[in-house]
Amino acid sequence: MFSDINTSTSCTAKITIDGVETELSAVEYNQNVTPYLDVITPRFGAEQGGETVVFTGSGFSFTPTVLIDDRECML
């Protein structure tokens, strides 16, 4: 984990949804409640899929939704 990040900070963020960029002001990052993704393994896979992908981190919800290339993954 990032040990040099303050516990809580806010910033301006830009998101793109369906090609439309939007700027969000006062987005808050709180290390105690914001999920943190540390590692995704494997880093590369076959185009046809069918591989198991493992997400390692902390703060995930009990019922996360994972999308890869706009496809929902089985958990």
N, C-alpha and C. Protein backbone atom coordinates (compact mmCIF):
# COMPACT_ATOMS: atom_id res chain seq x y z
N MET A 1 0.83 -1.18 0.00
CA MET A 1 0.00 0.00 0.00
C MET A 1 0.88 1.24 0.00
N PHE A 2 0.27 2.37 -0.34
CA PHE A 2 0.99 3.63 -0.33
C PHE A 2 1.06 4.15 1.09
N SER A 3 2.21 4.11 1.69
CA SER A 3 2.33 4.57 3.06
C SER A 3 2.51 6.07 3.14
N ASP A 4 2.83 6.73 2.02
CA ASP A 4 3.07 8.16 2.05
C ASP A 4 1.83 8.98 1.70
N ILE A 5 0.67 8.34 1.50
CA ILE A 5 -0.56 9.04 1.19
C ILE A 5 -1.24 9.47 2.48
N ASN A 6 -1.72 10.71 2.52
CA ASN A 6 -2.47 11.17 3.68
C ASN A 6 -3.71 10.31 3.84
N THR A 7 -4.23 10.25 5.05
CA THR A 7 -5.42 9.46 5.31
C THR A 7 -6.60 9.96 4.50
N SER A 8 -6.73 11.26 4.32
CA SER A 8 -7.85 11.81 3.57
C SER A 8 -7.36 13.02 2.77
N THR A 9 -7.80 13.10 1.52
CA THR A 9 -7.45 14.24 0.68
C THR A 9 -8.53 14.40 -0.37
N SER A 10 -8.64 15.57 -0.95
CA SER A 10 -9.61 15.77 -2.02
C SER A 10 -8.91 16.38 -3.22
N CYS A 11 -9.50 16.18 -4.38
CA CYS A 11 -8.91 16.68 -5.62
C CYS A 11 -9.99 16.78 -6.69
N THR A 12 -9.61 17.33 -7.84
CA THR A 12 -10.49 17.37 -8.99
C THR A 12 -10.18 16.16 -9.84
N ALA A 13 -11.19 15.48 -10.33
CA ALA A 13 -10.99 14.28 -11.15
C ALA A 13 -11.69 14.46 -12.49
N LYS A 14 -11.14 13.82 -13.50
CA LYS A 14 -11.77 13.79 -14.82
C LYS A 14 -12.14 12.35 -15.13
N ILE A 15 -13.39 12.12 -15.54
CA ILE A 15 -13.82 10.79 -15.94
C ILE A 15 -14.35 10.85 -17.36
N THR A 16 -14.24 9.76 -18.07
CA THR A 16 -14.76 9.67 -19.42
C THR A 16 -15.75 8.52 -19.48
N ILE A 17 -16.98 8.82 -19.87
CA ILE A 17 -18.02 7.81 -20.01
C ILE A 17 -18.59 7.93 -21.41
N ASP A 18 -18.52 6.84 -22.17
CA ASP A 18 -19.00 6.83 -23.55
C ASP A 18 -18.41 7.98 -24.37
N GLY A 19 -17.12 8.26 -24.15
CA GLY A 19 -16.43 9.28 -24.92
C GLY A 19 -16.65 10.70 -24.47
N VAL A 20 -17.45 10.91 -23.43
CA VAL A 20 -17.73 12.25 -22.93
C VAL A 20 -16.94 12.47 -21.65
N GLU A 21 -16.04 13.47 -21.67
CA GLU A 21 -15.21 13.75 -20.50
C GLU A 21 -15.93 14.73 -19.58
N THR A 22 -15.94 14.42 -18.29
CA THR A 22 -16.59 15.26 -17.29
C THR A 22 -15.60 15.51 -16.17
N GLU A 23 -15.59 16.73 -15.66
CA GLU A 23 -14.71 17.06 -14.55
C GLU A 23 -15.53 17.09 -13.26
N LEU A 24 -15.05 16.40 -12.26
CA LEU A 24 -15.71 16.34 -10.97
C LEU A 24 -14.87 17.11 -9.96
N SER A 25 -15.47 18.01 -9.24
CA SER A 25 -14.73 18.75 -8.23
C SER A 25 -14.93 18.11 -6.87
N ALA A 26 -13.97 18.29 -6.02
CA ALA A 26 -14.02 17.84 -4.63
C ALA A 26 -14.26 16.33 -4.50
N VAL A 27 -13.54 15.55 -5.28
CA VAL A 27 -13.57 14.10 -5.11
C VAL A 27 -12.67 13.78 -3.93
N GLU A 28 -13.20 13.02 -2.98
CA GLU A 28 -12.42 12.73 -1.78
C GLU A 28 -11.87 11.32 -1.80
N TYR A 29 -10.61 11.22 -1.49
CA TYR A 29 -9.96 9.93 -1.29
C TYR A 29 -9.73 9.78 0.20
N ASN A 30 -10.26 8.71 0.76
CA ASN A 30 -10.04 8.43 2.16
C ASN A 30 -9.48 7.02 2.25
N GLN A 31 -8.25 6.92 2.67
CA GLN A 31 -7.53 5.65 2.72
C GLN A 31 -8.28 4.59 3.53
N ASN A 32 -9.07 5.01 4.49
CA ASN A 32 -9.77 4.05 5.35
C ASN A 32 -11.02 3.46 4.71
N VAL A 33 -11.60 4.11 3.68
CA VAL A 33 -12.85 3.62 3.09
C VAL A 33 -12.78 3.42 1.58
N THR A 34 -11.72 3.86 0.94
CA THR A 34 -11.59 3.73 -0.50
C THR A 34 -10.91 2.41 -0.84
N PRO A 35 -11.54 1.58 -1.70
CA PRO A 35 -10.89 0.32 -2.10
C PRO A 35 -9.54 0.59 -2.76
N TYR A 36 -8.62 -0.33 -2.55
CA TYR A 36 -7.27 -0.19 -3.09
C TYR A 36 -6.93 -1.46 -3.86
N LEU A 37 -6.60 -1.32 -5.12
CA LEU A 37 -6.20 -2.45 -5.96
C LEU A 37 -4.69 -2.47 -6.04
N ASP A 38 -4.10 -3.55 -5.56
CA ASP A 38 -2.65 -3.66 -5.48
C ASP A 38 -2.06 -4.43 -6.66
N VAL A 39 -2.65 -5.58 -7.00
CA VAL A 39 -2.10 -6.45 -8.03
C VAL A 39 -3.23 -7.12 -8.81
N ILE A 40 -3.05 -7.24 -10.12
CA ILE A 40 -3.93 -8.05 -10.96
C ILE A 40 -3.06 -9.12 -11.60
N THR A 41 -3.42 -10.40 -11.40
CA THR A 41 -2.64 -11.48 -12.01
C THR A 41 -3.57 -12.43 -12.75
N PRO A 42 -3.19 -12.94 -13.89
CA PRO A 42 -1.96 -12.60 -14.62
C PRO A 42 -2.10 -11.23 -15.28
N ARG A 43 -0.97 -10.63 -15.64
CA ARG A 43 -0.99 -9.32 -16.28
C ARG A 43 -1.49 -9.41 -17.72
N PHE A 44 -1.28 -10.53 -18.37
CA PHE A 44 -1.70 -10.72 -19.76
C PHE A 44 -2.39 -12.06 -19.88
N GLY A 45 -3.29 -12.17 -20.86
CA GLY A 45 -3.98 -13.43 -21.07
C GLY A 45 -4.33 -13.61 -22.53
N ALA A 46 -4.91 -14.74 -22.83
CA ALA A 46 -5.29 -15.07 -24.19
C ALA A 46 -6.52 -14.26 -24.61
N GLU A 47 -6.60 -13.90 -25.87
CA GLU A 47 -7.74 -13.12 -26.38
C GLU A 47 -9.06 -13.85 -26.21
N GLN A 48 -9.07 -15.17 -26.32
CA GLN A 48 -10.31 -15.92 -26.22
C GLN A 48 -10.83 -16.02 -24.80
N GLY A 49 -10.03 -15.61 -23.82
CA GLY A 49 -10.47 -15.59 -22.43
C GLY A 49 -10.45 -16.95 -21.79
N GLY A 50 -11.28 -17.12 -20.75
CA GLY A 50 -11.36 -18.38 -20.05
C GLY A 50 -10.35 -18.55 -18.93
N GLU A 51 -9.57 -17.53 -18.65
CA GLU A 51 -8.55 -17.62 -17.61
C GLU A 51 -9.08 -17.05 -16.30
N THR A 52 -8.52 -17.52 -15.21
CA THR A 52 -8.85 -16.97 -13.90
C THR A 52 -7.98 -15.75 -13.67
N VAL A 53 -8.61 -14.64 -13.29
CA VAL A 53 -7.91 -13.40 -12.99
C VAL A 53 -8.11 -13.12 -11.51
N VAL A 54 -7.02 -12.82 -10.81
CA VAL A 54 -7.07 -12.58 -9.37
C VAL A 54 -6.76 -11.11 -9.10
N PHE A 55 -7.66 -10.45 -8.36
CA PHE A 55 -7.47 -9.08 -7.95
C PHE A 55 -7.08 -9.09 -6.48
N THR A 56 -5.96 -8.47 -6.15
CA THR A 56 -5.48 -8.43 -4.78
C THR A 56 -5.46 -6.99 -4.30
N GLY A 57 -6.03 -6.75 -3.13
CA GLY A 57 -6.06 -5.42 -2.57
C GLY A 57 -6.83 -5.42 -1.28
N SER A 58 -7.42 -4.28 -0.95
CA SER A 58 -8.18 -4.19 0.29
C SER A 58 -9.35 -3.24 0.11
N GLY A 59 -10.33 -3.38 0.98
CA GLY A 59 -11.47 -2.48 0.99
C GLY A 59 -12.53 -2.77 -0.05
N PHE A 60 -12.48 -3.95 -0.69
CA PHE A 60 -13.50 -4.30 -1.68
C PHE A 60 -14.82 -4.59 -0.97
N SER A 61 -15.93 -4.36 -1.67
CA SER A 61 -17.23 -4.69 -1.09
C SER A 61 -17.39 -6.21 -1.09
N PHE A 62 -18.38 -6.70 -0.36
CA PHE A 62 -18.62 -8.14 -0.29
C PHE A 62 -19.18 -8.68 -1.60
N THR A 63 -19.82 -7.83 -2.38
CA THR A 63 -20.40 -8.25 -3.66
C THR A 63 -19.91 -7.33 -4.78
N PRO A 64 -18.61 -7.37 -5.09
CA PRO A 64 -18.11 -6.46 -6.12
C PRO A 64 -18.57 -6.88 -7.51
N THR A 65 -18.68 -5.91 -8.40
CA THR A 65 -18.94 -6.18 -9.81
C THR A 65 -17.65 -5.89 -10.55
N VAL A 66 -17.16 -6.88 -11.28
CA VAL A 66 -15.92 -6.72 -12.03
C VAL A 66 -16.25 -6.80 -13.52
N LEU A 67 -15.84 -5.76 -14.24
CA LEU A 67 -16.01 -5.73 -15.69
C LEU A 67 -14.65 -5.72 -16.35
N ILE A 68 -14.48 -6.57 -17.35
CA ILE A 68 -13.28 -6.55 -18.18
C ILE A 68 -13.77 -6.42 -19.61
N ASP A 69 -13.33 -5.36 -20.28
CA ASP A 69 -13.75 -5.07 -21.66
C ASP A 69 -15.28 -5.04 -21.75
N ASP A 70 -15.90 -4.36 -20.78
CA ASP A 70 -17.35 -4.18 -20.69
C ASP A 70 -18.13 -5.48 -20.51
N ARG A 71 -17.46 -6.54 -20.08
CA ARG A 71 -18.14 -7.81 -19.80
C ARG A 71 -18.05 -8.11 -18.33
N GLU A 72 -19.20 -8.45 -17.73
CA GLU A 72 -19.20 -8.77 -16.31
C GLU A 72 -18.57 -10.13 -16.09
N CYS A 73 -17.69 -10.21 -15.11
CA CYS A 73 -16.99 -11.45 -14.81
C CYS A 73 -17.73 -12.23 -13.73
N MET A 74 -17.62 -13.54 -13.80
CA MET A 74 -18.18 -14.41 -12.78
C MET A 74 -17.27 -14.34 -11.56
N LEU A 75 -17.87 -14.32 -10.39
CA LEU A 75 -17.07 -14.28 -9.15
C LEU A 75 -17.06 -15.60 -8.47
